Every structure is written in C-alpha cells, then in structure tokens.
Amino acid sequence: MVSVVLFDLDGTLTDPAVGITASYRHALTEVGVSVADDEDLTWAIGPPVRDNFEAYGLAADLVEPAINAFRERHTAVGLFEAVVLPGIEDLLDDLRSRHVRIGLATAKPRPQALLTLEHFGLASRFDAVAGSRADVHSMPKSEIVADALAQLGQYRSVARPSCNSSSSSLGRSTTSTSCDSTRSSTCTRSGRRR
C-alpha cells in the first residue's frame, strides 16, 4: 500500500507557462535584453532560475539583476497566472481519503510554493512542502526530495547522497545512487522493492 506521494509543482499540479515565460521576458527586458514576442521560453519551466539565465547566455554581471527582476514579477503576478491542471484536486482528495500523506518537492523557493498552494486552495491537502532556498545559487533536486521525505518522517537525513552509494534508510526499499559521468554533480536515484 502506498503511504506517501510526492508531487512537483510546475507542470505537475499546475500549468505555469504563462506566468513563468512572462516573468522571464520581463526580467530579460529589465536587464536590457530584447526578446522576440514569438520566442519560445517554455524550456525554462522547471529548472532553477539562475541555471536558466546562464543557459540563455546572459552575461554574468546581469544574472543577479535578472533573477531579482524575475522573482519580483513572478511573486507579484506570475504565480497567479498559472492554472491548476484538470483532475488534480480530485486526485489529491482521493489520496487524502486513502490516508496517503502528500508532499511537495519543487525547485521553486519554498515561500513561492506555499503562496501558490494557498492561492489555489491546495495547501491544506499537503503534509509537507519542500522547496529551494532563495539564498543559495542552486539546490539539487535530491536535497529537496530528501527534505520533503524528512518532513514526512520517511527519511532520516537531508544530507546530499554521495555518488555510487547505496542506502536502505527508506524502509523496505533499497535505493541506489549513481552519477552522470558527464556532470559529477548530477546524481540519479533508482529504487527497487525487496
């Protein structure tokens, strides 16, 4: 029986395309970069904001001001331009009726995640909310997931897993961690039942 389910926010619970892409356009314009109206920025949904501006090729001295402009607009307007995906409320209610504990693990800063859940009336359905910290450059998703699991009492430590290690701290599951050989900081986790 499933006792815990973790969800991501953007693209899983909500369709954030309008708010996120408009916030990126705004931020780029604020730092003097023109963006064509028809330029597709949907690729930026999901990854950390800093990573996206760097991937876009923004000059290093413009990244921080762009992040600030993005967050300012996104917190004030963009979060509320998202829409809850069809069927999500029913799914969450069904899980709650089965006594499944529900957590959120998002790369979005935790205060923005909470604001989004509250705005759409979803906050009461979640037992845990984990997100990145605004004061760090980038937080690996594995740390965010570990934080959500720790909040749910399912994980003993929120320390970042080391690569090529094995763990059985998740109860009856055996979890292994491996690294992508092209980026030593990128780990993937796979689990199997005993």
N, C-alpha and C. Protein backbone atom coordinates (compact mmCIF):
# COMPACT_ATOMS: atom_id res chain seq x y z
N MET A 1 0.83 -1.18 0.00
CA MET A 1 0.00 0.00 0.00
C MET A 1 0.88 1.24 0.00
N VAL A 2 0.54 2.20 -0.79
CA VAL A 2 1.26 3.45 -0.86
C VAL A 2 0.90 4.30 0.36
N SER A 3 1.91 4.84 1.06
CA SER A 3 1.62 5.66 2.23
C SER A 3 2.04 7.11 2.04
N VAL A 4 2.93 7.37 1.07
CA VAL A 4 3.43 8.72 0.82
C VAL A 4 3.53 8.95 -0.68
N VAL A 5 3.10 10.13 -1.14
CA VAL A 5 3.27 10.51 -2.54
C VAL A 5 3.86 11.92 -2.57
N LEU A 6 4.90 12.10 -3.39
CA LEU A 6 5.48 13.42 -3.60
C LEU A 6 5.09 13.94 -4.97
N PHE A 7 4.77 15.22 -5.02
CA PHE A 7 4.47 15.88 -6.28
C PHE A 7 5.46 17.01 -6.51
N ASP A 8 5.70 17.30 -7.78
CA ASP A 8 6.37 18.54 -8.16
C ASP A 8 5.25 19.55 -8.33
N LEU A 9 5.59 20.81 -8.52
CA LEU A 9 4.56 21.84 -8.66
C LEU A 9 4.33 22.21 -10.11
N ASP A 10 5.31 22.86 -10.72
CA ASP A 10 5.16 23.35 -12.09
C ASP A 10 5.11 22.20 -13.10
N GLY A 11 4.01 22.14 -13.82
CA GLY A 11 3.85 21.11 -14.84
C GLY A 11 3.27 19.82 -14.31
N THR A 12 3.14 19.70 -13.00
CA THR A 12 2.55 18.50 -12.39
C THR A 12 1.22 18.85 -11.75
N LEU A 13 1.23 19.83 -10.86
CA LEU A 13 -0.01 20.30 -10.24
C LEU A 13 -0.62 21.46 -11.02
N THR A 14 0.26 22.30 -11.55
CA THR A 14 -0.21 23.50 -12.27
C THR A 14 0.45 23.61 -13.63
N ASP A 15 -0.20 24.35 -14.50
CA ASP A 15 0.39 24.74 -15.78
C ASP A 15 0.85 26.19 -15.58
N PRO A 16 2.16 26.39 -15.39
CA PRO A 16 2.66 27.73 -15.07
C PRO A 16 3.19 28.49 -16.28
N ALA A 17 2.95 28.00 -17.48
CA ALA A 17 3.62 28.53 -18.68
C ALA A 17 3.46 30.03 -18.84
N VAL A 18 2.27 30.55 -18.73
CA VAL A 18 2.05 31.98 -18.96
C VAL A 18 2.85 32.81 -17.95
N GLY A 19 2.72 32.51 -16.67
CA GLY A 19 3.40 33.29 -15.65
C GLY A 19 4.91 33.21 -15.69
N ILE A 20 5.42 32.01 -15.91
CA ILE A 20 6.88 31.85 -15.93
C ILE A 20 7.49 32.50 -17.16
N THR A 21 6.92 32.24 -18.33
CA THR A 21 7.52 32.82 -19.54
C THR A 21 7.39 34.35 -19.54
N ALA A 22 6.28 34.87 -19.05
CA ALA A 22 6.13 36.33 -18.98
C ALA A 22 7.12 36.93 -17.98
N SER A 23 7.39 36.21 -16.90
CA SER A 23 8.35 36.70 -15.91
C SER A 23 9.77 36.68 -16.47
N TYR A 24 10.09 35.67 -17.28
CA TYR A 24 11.42 35.65 -17.93
C TYR A 24 11.53 36.79 -18.94
N ARG A 25 10.49 37.01 -19.73
CA ARG A 25 10.51 38.13 -20.69
C ARG A 25 10.73 39.46 -19.96
N HIS A 26 9.99 39.65 -18.88
CA HIS A 26 10.11 40.87 -18.08
C HIS A 26 11.54 41.03 -17.56
N ALA A 27 12.09 39.98 -16.98
CA ALA A 27 13.44 40.05 -16.40
C ALA A 27 14.49 40.37 -17.45
N LEU A 28 14.38 39.71 -18.59
CA LEU A 28 15.36 39.97 -19.66
C LEU A 28 15.24 41.40 -20.16
N THR A 29 14.04 41.89 -20.31
CA THR A 29 13.83 43.27 -20.74
C THR A 29 14.41 44.25 -19.71
N GLU A 30 14.22 43.93 -18.43
CA GLU A 30 14.72 44.80 -17.36
C GLU A 30 16.24 44.94 -17.38
N VAL A 31 16.94 43.90 -17.85
CA VAL A 31 18.42 43.98 -17.91
C VAL A 31 18.91 44.35 -19.30
N GLY A 32 17.99 44.79 -20.16
CA GLY A 32 18.37 45.31 -21.47
C GLY A 32 18.49 44.30 -22.58
N VAL A 33 17.94 43.12 -22.40
CA VAL A 33 17.98 42.09 -23.45
C VAL A 33 16.61 42.03 -24.11
N SER A 34 16.58 42.25 -25.41
CA SER A 34 15.29 42.18 -26.11
C SER A 34 14.97 40.73 -26.44
N VAL A 35 13.70 40.40 -26.27
CA VAL A 35 13.21 39.04 -26.52
C VAL A 35 12.06 39.15 -27.51
N ALA A 36 12.15 38.43 -28.59
CA ALA A 36 11.08 38.44 -29.60
C ALA A 36 9.79 37.89 -28.98
N ASP A 37 8.67 38.47 -29.37
CA ASP A 37 7.38 38.03 -28.83
C ASP A 37 7.10 36.56 -29.10
N ASP A 38 7.62 36.05 -30.21
CA ASP A 38 7.36 34.66 -30.56
C ASP A 38 8.46 33.70 -30.09
N GLU A 39 9.44 34.19 -29.33
CA GLU A 39 10.50 33.30 -28.83
C GLU A 39 9.92 32.37 -27.77
N ASP A 40 10.14 31.08 -27.97
CA ASP A 40 9.62 30.07 -27.05
C ASP A 40 10.51 29.99 -25.82
N LEU A 41 9.95 30.32 -24.67
CA LEU A 41 10.70 30.25 -23.41
C LEU A 41 10.18 29.13 -22.50
N THR A 42 9.34 28.26 -23.04
CA THR A 42 8.78 27.19 -22.20
C THR A 42 9.85 26.21 -21.72
N TRP A 43 11.00 26.18 -22.38
CA TRP A 43 12.10 25.32 -21.94
C TRP A 43 12.57 25.71 -20.53
N ALA A 44 12.26 26.94 -20.11
CA ALA A 44 12.72 27.44 -18.81
C ALA A 44 11.81 27.00 -17.65
N ILE A 45 10.73 26.32 -17.95
CA ILE A 45 9.83 25.87 -16.88
C ILE A 45 10.46 24.64 -16.22
N GLY A 46 10.69 24.76 -14.92
CA GLY A 46 11.22 23.63 -14.17
C GLY A 46 12.59 23.86 -13.58
N PRO A 47 13.61 24.08 -14.41
CA PRO A 47 14.95 24.25 -13.85
C PRO A 47 15.08 25.52 -13.01
N PRO A 48 16.10 25.57 -12.14
CA PRO A 48 16.31 26.78 -11.34
C PRO A 48 16.51 28.03 -12.20
N VAL A 49 16.03 29.15 -11.72
CA VAL A 49 16.06 30.42 -12.46
C VAL A 49 17.49 30.78 -12.87
N ARG A 50 18.42 30.70 -11.93
CA ARG A 50 19.82 31.04 -12.24
C ARG A 50 20.35 30.19 -13.38
N ASP A 51 20.09 28.90 -13.31
CA ASP A 51 20.56 27.99 -14.37
C ASP A 51 19.99 28.40 -15.72
N ASN A 52 18.72 28.80 -15.73
CA ASN A 52 18.09 29.20 -16.99
C ASN A 52 18.72 30.46 -17.58
N PHE A 53 18.99 31.45 -16.75
CA PHE A 53 19.61 32.67 -17.27
C PHE A 53 21.02 32.39 -17.78
N GLU A 54 21.74 31.51 -17.09
CA GLU A 54 23.07 31.14 -17.56
C GLU A 54 22.99 30.36 -18.87
N ALA A 55 22.02 29.44 -18.97
CA ALA A 55 21.83 28.67 -20.20
C ALA A 55 21.41 29.58 -21.36
N TYR A 56 20.68 30.63 -21.06
CA TYR A 56 20.25 31.59 -22.08
C TYR A 56 21.44 32.37 -22.64
N GLY A 57 22.54 32.38 -21.88
CA GLY A 57 23.74 33.08 -22.32
C GLY A 57 23.83 34.49 -21.77
N LEU A 58 23.07 34.78 -20.73
CA LEU A 58 23.09 36.10 -20.13
C LEU A 58 24.47 36.37 -19.53
N ALA A 59 24.99 37.58 -19.74
CA ALA A 59 26.29 37.96 -19.19
C ALA A 59 26.27 37.81 -17.67
N ALA A 60 27.38 37.36 -17.11
CA ALA A 60 27.47 37.06 -15.68
C ALA A 60 27.03 38.23 -14.80
N ASP A 61 27.36 39.45 -15.20
CA ASP A 61 27.00 40.60 -14.37
C ASP A 61 25.51 40.95 -14.44
N LEU A 62 24.79 40.34 -15.35
CA LEU A 62 23.35 40.59 -15.48
C LEU A 62 22.49 39.51 -14.83
N VAL A 63 23.12 38.39 -14.46
CA VAL A 63 22.35 37.26 -13.92
C VAL A 63 21.62 37.64 -12.63
N GLU A 64 22.32 38.22 -11.67
CA GLU A 64 21.69 38.55 -10.39
C GLU A 64 20.57 39.58 -10.55
N PRO A 65 20.79 40.68 -11.30
CA PRO A 65 19.66 41.61 -11.51
C PRO A 65 18.49 40.96 -12.25
N ALA A 66 18.77 40.07 -13.17
CA ALA A 66 17.69 39.37 -13.88
C ALA A 66 16.91 38.46 -12.93
N ILE A 67 17.62 37.76 -12.06
CA ILE A 67 16.94 36.91 -11.07
C ILE A 67 16.03 37.75 -10.19
N ASN A 68 16.54 38.87 -9.73
CA ASN A 68 15.73 39.75 -8.87
C ASN A 68 14.49 40.25 -9.61
N ALA A 69 14.65 40.66 -10.88
CA ALA A 69 13.51 41.14 -11.67
C ALA A 69 12.51 40.01 -11.91
N PHE A 70 13.02 38.81 -12.19
CA PHE A 70 12.14 37.66 -12.39
C PHE A 70 11.32 37.40 -11.13
N ARG A 71 12.01 37.29 -9.99
CA ARG A 71 11.33 36.96 -8.74
C ARG A 71 10.32 38.03 -8.33
N GLU A 72 10.69 39.29 -8.56
CA GLU A 72 9.77 40.37 -8.20
C GLU A 72 8.47 40.26 -8.98
N ARG A 73 8.56 40.10 -10.30
CA ARG A 73 7.36 39.99 -11.12
C ARG A 73 6.63 38.68 -10.86
N HIS A 74 7.40 37.61 -10.75
CA HIS A 74 6.77 36.30 -10.62
C HIS A 74 6.01 36.17 -9.29
N THR A 75 6.58 36.72 -8.23
CA THR A 75 5.91 36.66 -6.93
C THR A 75 4.66 37.55 -6.91
N ALA A 76 4.75 38.70 -7.57
CA ALA A 76 3.62 39.63 -7.56
C ALA A 76 2.51 39.24 -8.53
N VAL A 77 2.89 38.65 -9.68
CA VAL A 77 1.91 38.42 -10.75
C VAL A 77 1.97 36.99 -11.31
N GLY A 78 3.16 36.55 -11.66
CA GLY A 78 3.33 35.31 -12.41
C GLY A 78 2.79 34.06 -11.74
N LEU A 79 2.96 33.95 -10.42
CA LEU A 79 2.45 32.78 -9.71
C LEU A 79 0.94 32.61 -9.93
N PHE A 80 0.25 33.72 -10.03
CA PHE A 80 -1.21 33.70 -10.11
C PHE A 80 -1.71 33.56 -11.54
N GLU A 81 -0.80 33.55 -12.50
CA GLU A 81 -1.17 33.33 -13.90
C GLU A 81 -1.18 31.83 -14.24
N ALA A 82 -0.73 31.01 -13.31
CA ALA A 82 -0.78 29.56 -13.51
C ALA A 82 -2.22 29.09 -13.39
N VAL A 83 -2.47 27.87 -13.83
CA VAL A 83 -3.78 27.24 -13.65
C VAL A 83 -3.57 25.84 -13.11
N VAL A 84 -4.45 25.42 -12.22
CA VAL A 84 -4.39 24.05 -11.70
C VAL A 84 -4.79 23.11 -12.82
N LEU A 85 -4.01 22.07 -13.01
CA LEU A 85 -4.31 21.10 -14.07
C LEU A 85 -5.60 20.34 -13.76
N PRO A 86 -6.35 20.01 -14.79
CA PRO A 86 -7.62 19.29 -14.58
C PRO A 86 -7.41 17.97 -13.83
N GLY A 87 -8.27 17.73 -12.86
CA GLY A 87 -8.24 16.47 -12.12
C GLY A 87 -7.34 16.44 -10.91
N ILE A 88 -6.50 17.46 -10.72
CA ILE A 88 -5.54 17.46 -9.61
C ILE A 88 -6.25 17.50 -8.26
N GLU A 89 -7.23 18.36 -8.11
CA GLU A 89 -7.92 18.46 -6.82
C GLU A 89 -8.58 17.13 -6.46
N ASP A 90 -9.21 16.49 -7.44
CA ASP A 90 -9.84 15.19 -7.19
C ASP A 90 -8.80 14.13 -6.83
N LEU A 91 -7.67 14.16 -7.51
CA LEU A 91 -6.60 13.20 -7.22
C LEU A 91 -6.09 13.39 -5.79
N LEU A 92 -5.81 14.62 -5.41
CA LEU A 92 -5.32 14.90 -4.06
C LEU A 92 -6.35 14.48 -3.02
N ASP A 93 -7.62 14.78 -3.27
CA ASP A 93 -8.68 14.40 -2.33
C ASP A 93 -8.80 12.89 -2.22
N ASP A 94 -8.66 12.19 -3.34
CA ASP A 94 -8.72 10.73 -3.32
C ASP A 94 -7.56 10.16 -2.50
N LEU A 95 -6.37 10.69 -2.68
CA LEU A 95 -5.21 10.23 -1.90
C LEU A 95 -5.44 10.49 -0.41
N ARG A 96 -5.93 11.67 -0.07
CA ARG A 96 -6.20 12.00 1.34
C ARG A 96 -7.23 11.04 1.93
N SER A 97 -8.26 10.70 1.15
CA SER A 97 -9.30 9.80 1.66
C SER A 97 -8.74 8.40 1.92
N ARG A 98 -7.64 8.07 1.28
CA ARG A 98 -6.98 6.77 1.48
C ARG A 98 -5.88 6.86 2.54
N HIS A 99 -5.81 8.01 3.22
CA HIS A 99 -4.83 8.26 4.27
C HIS A 99 -3.39 8.25 3.77
N VAL A 100 -3.21 8.66 2.52
CA VAL A 100 -1.88 8.79 1.94
C VAL A 100 -1.37 10.17 2.32
N ARG A 101 -0.15 10.24 2.81
CA ARG A 101 0.46 11.52 3.15
C ARG A 101 1.03 12.12 1.87
N ILE A 102 0.82 13.42 1.68
CA ILE A 102 1.18 14.08 0.43
C ILE A 102 2.23 15.15 0.69
N GLY A 103 3.28 15.13 -0.14
CA GLY A 103 4.33 16.13 -0.03
C GLY A 103 4.58 16.81 -1.36
N LEU A 104 5.12 18.01 -1.29
CA LEU A 104 5.51 18.77 -2.46
C LEU A 104 7.03 18.93 -2.43
N ALA A 105 7.67 18.65 -3.55
CA ALA A 105 9.12 18.83 -3.71
C ALA A 105 9.34 19.62 -5.00
N THR A 106 9.68 20.90 -4.86
CA THR A 106 9.79 21.78 -6.01
C THR A 106 11.09 22.57 -5.98
N ALA A 107 11.62 22.87 -7.15
CA ALA A 107 12.81 23.71 -7.25
C ALA A 107 12.46 25.17 -6.98
N LYS A 108 11.19 25.50 -7.00
CA LYS A 108 10.73 26.87 -6.70
C LYS A 108 11.06 27.17 -5.24
N PRO A 109 11.43 28.40 -4.91
CA PRO A 109 11.65 28.73 -3.50
C PRO A 109 10.42 28.38 -2.66
N ARG A 110 10.64 27.84 -1.48
CA ARG A 110 9.55 27.35 -0.63
C ARG A 110 8.47 28.40 -0.38
N PRO A 111 8.83 29.68 -0.09
CA PRO A 111 7.76 30.67 0.13
C PRO A 111 6.86 30.84 -1.10
N GLN A 112 7.43 30.77 -2.31
CA GLN A 112 6.62 30.87 -3.52
C GLN A 112 5.74 29.63 -3.68
N ALA A 113 6.27 28.48 -3.33
CA ALA A 113 5.49 27.25 -3.42
C ALA A 113 4.29 27.31 -2.48
N LEU A 114 4.54 27.74 -1.24
CA LEU A 114 3.44 27.87 -0.27
C LEU A 114 2.39 28.87 -0.74
N LEU A 115 2.85 30.00 -1.26
CA LEU A 115 1.93 31.02 -1.77
C LEU A 115 1.07 30.47 -2.91
N THR A 116 1.70 29.70 -3.80
CA THR A 116 0.97 29.10 -4.92
C THR A 116 -0.09 28.11 -4.41
N LEU A 117 0.32 27.22 -3.49
CA LEU A 117 -0.63 26.24 -2.95
C LEU A 117 -1.80 26.94 -2.25
N GLU A 118 -1.48 27.98 -1.48
CA GLU A 118 -2.53 28.71 -0.77
C GLU A 118 -3.46 29.43 -1.75
N HIS A 119 -2.89 30.08 -2.76
CA HIS A 119 -3.69 30.81 -3.74
C HIS A 119 -4.71 29.90 -4.44
N PHE A 120 -4.28 28.69 -4.77
CA PHE A 120 -5.16 27.77 -5.49
C PHE A 120 -5.96 26.85 -4.57
N GLY A 121 -5.91 27.09 -3.27
CA GLY A 121 -6.69 26.30 -2.33
C GLY A 121 -6.21 24.87 -2.18
N LEU A 122 -4.92 24.63 -2.40
CA LEU A 122 -4.37 23.28 -2.32
C LEU A 122 -3.56 23.03 -1.05
N ALA A 123 -3.20 24.07 -0.32
CA ALA A 123 -2.26 23.95 0.80
C ALA A 123 -2.72 22.94 1.86
N SER A 124 -4.00 22.92 2.18
CA SER A 124 -4.49 22.03 3.24
C SER A 124 -4.38 20.56 2.87
N ARG A 125 -4.15 20.27 1.62
CA ARG A 125 -4.05 18.87 1.18
C ARG A 125 -2.63 18.32 1.34
N PHE A 126 -1.66 19.18 1.68
CA PHE A 126 -0.26 18.77 1.75
C PHE A 126 0.22 18.67 3.19
N ASP A 127 0.93 17.58 3.47
CA ASP A 127 1.52 17.35 4.79
C ASP A 127 2.93 17.90 4.86
N ALA A 128 3.56 18.13 3.72
CA ALA A 128 4.94 18.63 3.69
C ALA A 128 5.13 19.46 2.43
N VAL A 129 5.92 20.52 2.56
CA VAL A 129 6.26 21.36 1.42
C VAL A 129 7.76 21.64 1.48
N ALA A 130 8.47 21.19 0.47
CA ALA A 130 9.91 21.41 0.39
C ALA A 130 10.22 22.14 -0.91
N GLY A 131 11.07 23.13 -0.81
CA GLY A 131 11.48 23.89 -1.98
C GLY A 131 12.89 24.38 -1.80
N SER A 132 13.39 25.03 -2.81
CA SER A 132 14.75 25.54 -2.73
C SER A 132 14.78 26.75 -1.79
N ARG A 133 15.98 27.11 -1.41
CA ARG A 133 16.17 28.30 -0.59
C ARG A 133 16.62 29.42 -1.51
N ALA A 134 16.04 30.58 -1.34
CA ALA A 134 16.36 31.73 -2.20
C ALA A 134 17.79 32.22 -1.97
N ASP A 135 18.39 31.87 -0.83
CA ASP A 135 19.72 32.38 -0.52
C ASP A 135 20.86 31.52 -1.06
N VAL A 136 20.54 30.46 -1.80
CA VAL A 136 21.58 29.62 -2.39
C VAL A 136 21.47 29.67 -3.90
N HIS A 137 22.60 29.50 -4.58
CA HIS A 137 22.60 29.60 -6.04
C HIS A 137 21.72 28.54 -6.68
N SER A 138 21.88 27.31 -6.28
CA SER A 138 21.09 26.23 -6.85
C SER A 138 21.09 25.08 -5.85
N MET A 139 19.97 24.45 -5.71
CA MET A 139 19.84 23.35 -4.77
C MET A 139 19.51 22.09 -5.56
N PRO A 140 20.29 21.05 -5.41
CA PRO A 140 19.98 19.81 -6.14
C PRO A 140 18.60 19.28 -5.76
N LYS A 141 17.90 18.77 -6.74
CA LYS A 141 16.55 18.24 -6.50
C LYS A 141 16.60 17.12 -5.46
N SER A 142 17.71 16.37 -5.43
CA SER A 142 17.82 15.28 -4.45
C SER A 142 17.72 15.82 -3.02
N GLU A 143 18.26 17.01 -2.75
CA GLU A 143 18.16 17.60 -1.42
C GLU A 143 16.73 18.04 -1.12
N ILE A 144 16.05 18.54 -2.12
CA ILE A 144 14.67 18.99 -1.94
C ILE A 144 13.77 17.78 -1.66
N VAL A 145 13.96 16.71 -2.42
CA VAL A 145 13.19 15.48 -2.20
C VAL A 145 13.49 14.91 -0.82
N ALA A 146 14.77 14.89 -0.44
CA ALA A 146 15.14 14.39 0.88
C ALA A 146 14.48 15.22 1.99
N ASP A 147 14.42 16.54 1.80
CA ASP A 147 13.76 17.41 2.78
C ASP A 147 12.28 17.07 2.89
N ALA A 148 11.61 16.90 1.75
CA ALA A 148 10.18 16.54 1.78
C ALA A 148 9.97 15.21 2.49
N LEU A 149 10.81 14.23 2.18
CA LEU A 149 10.69 12.92 2.82
C LEU A 149 10.97 13.02 4.32
N ALA A 150 11.95 13.85 4.70
CA ALA A 150 12.25 14.04 6.13
C ALA A 150 11.06 14.67 6.84
N GLN A 151 10.42 15.65 6.21
CA GLN A 151 9.24 16.28 6.82
C GLN A 151 8.12 15.26 7.02
N LEU A 152 8.08 14.27 6.16
CA LEU A 152 7.05 13.23 6.24
C LEU A 152 7.48 12.06 7.12
N GLY A 153 8.68 12.17 7.71
CA GLY A 153 9.19 11.11 8.58
C GLY A 153 9.64 9.88 7.83
N GLN A 154 9.96 10.04 6.54
CA GLN A 154 10.32 8.91 5.70
C GLN A 154 11.81 8.82 5.38
N TYR A 155 12.59 9.76 5.88
CA TYR A 155 13.99 9.82 5.51
C TYR A 155 14.74 10.34 6.71
N ARG A 156 15.79 9.65 7.11
CA ARG A 156 16.50 10.00 8.34
C ARG A 156 17.40 11.21 8.23
N SER A 157 17.86 11.53 7.05
CA SER A 157 18.81 12.63 6.91
C SER A 157 18.50 13.40 5.64
N VAL A 158 18.72 14.71 5.69
CA VAL A 158 18.56 15.51 4.49
C VAL A 158 19.91 15.80 3.85
N ALA A 159 20.94 15.08 4.29
CA ALA A 159 22.26 15.25 3.69
C ALA A 159 22.23 14.77 2.25
N ARG A 160 22.97 15.44 1.40
CA ARG A 160 23.02 15.08 -0.01
C ARG A 160 23.66 13.70 -0.15
N PRO A 161 23.03 12.80 -0.90
CA PRO A 161 23.61 11.47 -1.07
C PRO A 161 24.91 11.55 -1.85
N SER A 162 25.86 10.72 -1.45
CA SER A 162 27.11 10.69 -2.20
C SER A 162 26.93 9.77 -3.39
N CYS A 163 27.67 10.02 -4.44
CA CYS A 163 27.54 9.23 -5.66
C CYS A 163 28.08 7.82 -5.46
N ASN A 164 27.49 6.87 -6.18
CA ASN A 164 27.87 5.47 -6.13
C ASN A 164 27.67 4.86 -4.75
N SER A 165 26.68 5.34 -4.01
CA SER A 165 26.40 4.77 -2.70
C SER A 165 25.07 4.05 -2.73
N SER A 166 24.86 3.22 -1.74
CA SER A 166 23.58 2.53 -1.60
C SER A 166 23.02 2.87 -0.23
N SER A 167 21.72 2.84 -0.11
CA SER A 167 21.09 3.16 1.15
C SER A 167 19.82 2.34 1.29
N SER A 168 19.51 1.99 2.52
CA SER A 168 18.24 1.33 2.77
C SER A 168 17.46 2.12 3.83
N SER A 169 17.76 3.41 3.97
CA SER A 169 17.13 4.21 5.01
C SER A 169 15.68 4.55 4.72
N LEU A 170 15.18 4.16 3.56
CA LEU A 170 13.80 4.46 3.24
C LEU A 170 12.88 3.29 3.58
N GLY A 171 13.29 2.49 4.55
CA GLY A 171 12.44 1.39 4.97
C GLY A 171 12.71 0.14 4.16
N ARG A 172 11.66 -0.42 3.55
CA ARG A 172 11.79 -1.67 2.83
C ARG A 172 12.34 -1.49 1.43
N SER A 173 12.54 -0.27 0.99
CA SER A 173 13.08 -0.04 -0.34
C SER A 173 14.60 0.01 -0.29
N THR A 174 15.23 -0.48 -1.32
CA THR A 174 16.66 -0.31 -1.47
C THR A 174 16.85 0.76 -2.52
N THR A 175 17.59 1.79 -2.17
CA THR A 175 17.79 2.91 -3.06
C THR A 175 19.25 3.00 -3.43
N SER A 176 19.53 3.14 -4.71
CA SER A 176 20.91 3.30 -5.13
C SER A 176 21.07 4.65 -5.78
N THR A 177 22.26 5.19 -5.66
CA THR A 177 22.55 6.49 -6.23
C THR A 177 23.69 6.34 -7.21
N SER A 178 23.55 6.94 -8.39
CA SER A 178 24.63 6.89 -9.36
C SER A 178 24.81 8.25 -9.98
N CYS A 179 25.98 8.51 -10.50
CA CYS A 179 26.26 9.81 -11.08
C CYS A 179 26.29 9.75 -12.59
N ASP A 180 25.89 10.83 -13.20
CA ASP A 180 26.04 11.01 -14.63
C ASP A 180 27.51 11.32 -14.87
N SER A 181 28.15 10.55 -15.69
CA SER A 181 29.59 10.71 -15.87
C SER A 181 29.97 12.04 -16.50
N THR A 182 29.03 12.71 -17.15
CA THR A 182 29.37 13.98 -17.78
C THR A 182 29.30 15.15 -16.81
N ARG A 183 28.55 14.99 -15.72
CA ARG A 183 28.45 16.05 -14.71
C ARG A 183 28.48 15.40 -13.35
N SER A 184 29.62 15.49 -12.69
CA SER A 184 29.77 14.79 -11.42
C SER A 184 28.80 15.28 -10.36
N SER A 185 28.22 16.46 -10.52
CA SER A 185 27.29 16.95 -9.52
C SER A 185 25.86 16.47 -9.76
N THR A 186 25.63 15.73 -10.84
CA THR A 186 24.29 15.26 -11.16
C THR A 186 24.14 13.80 -10.75
N CYS A 187 23.30 13.56 -9.78
CA CYS A 187 23.07 12.19 -9.31
C CYS A 187 21.66 11.78 -9.67
N THR A 188 21.49 10.50 -9.93
CA THR A 188 20.15 9.97 -10.15
C THR A 188 19.92 8.87 -9.14
N ARG A 189 18.68 8.73 -8.72
CA ARG A 189 18.34 7.71 -7.72
C ARG A 189 17.33 6.75 -8.33
N SER A 190 17.57 5.49 -8.09
CA SER A 190 16.59 4.49 -8.52
C SER A 190 16.35 3.54 -7.36
N GLY A 191 15.13 3.09 -7.23
CA GLY A 191 14.81 2.22 -6.11
C GLY A 191 14.16 0.94 -6.58
N ARG A 192 14.29 -0.11 -5.78
CA ARG A 192 13.62 -1.37 -6.08
C ARG A 192 13.10 -1.95 -4.77
N ARG A 193 12.03 -2.69 -4.86
CA ARG A 193 11.44 -3.31 -3.66
C ARG A 193 12.18 -4.58 -3.34
N ARG A 194 12.33 -4.86 -2.03
CA ARG A 194 12.92 -6.13 -1.59
C ARG A 194 11.90 -7.22 -1.61
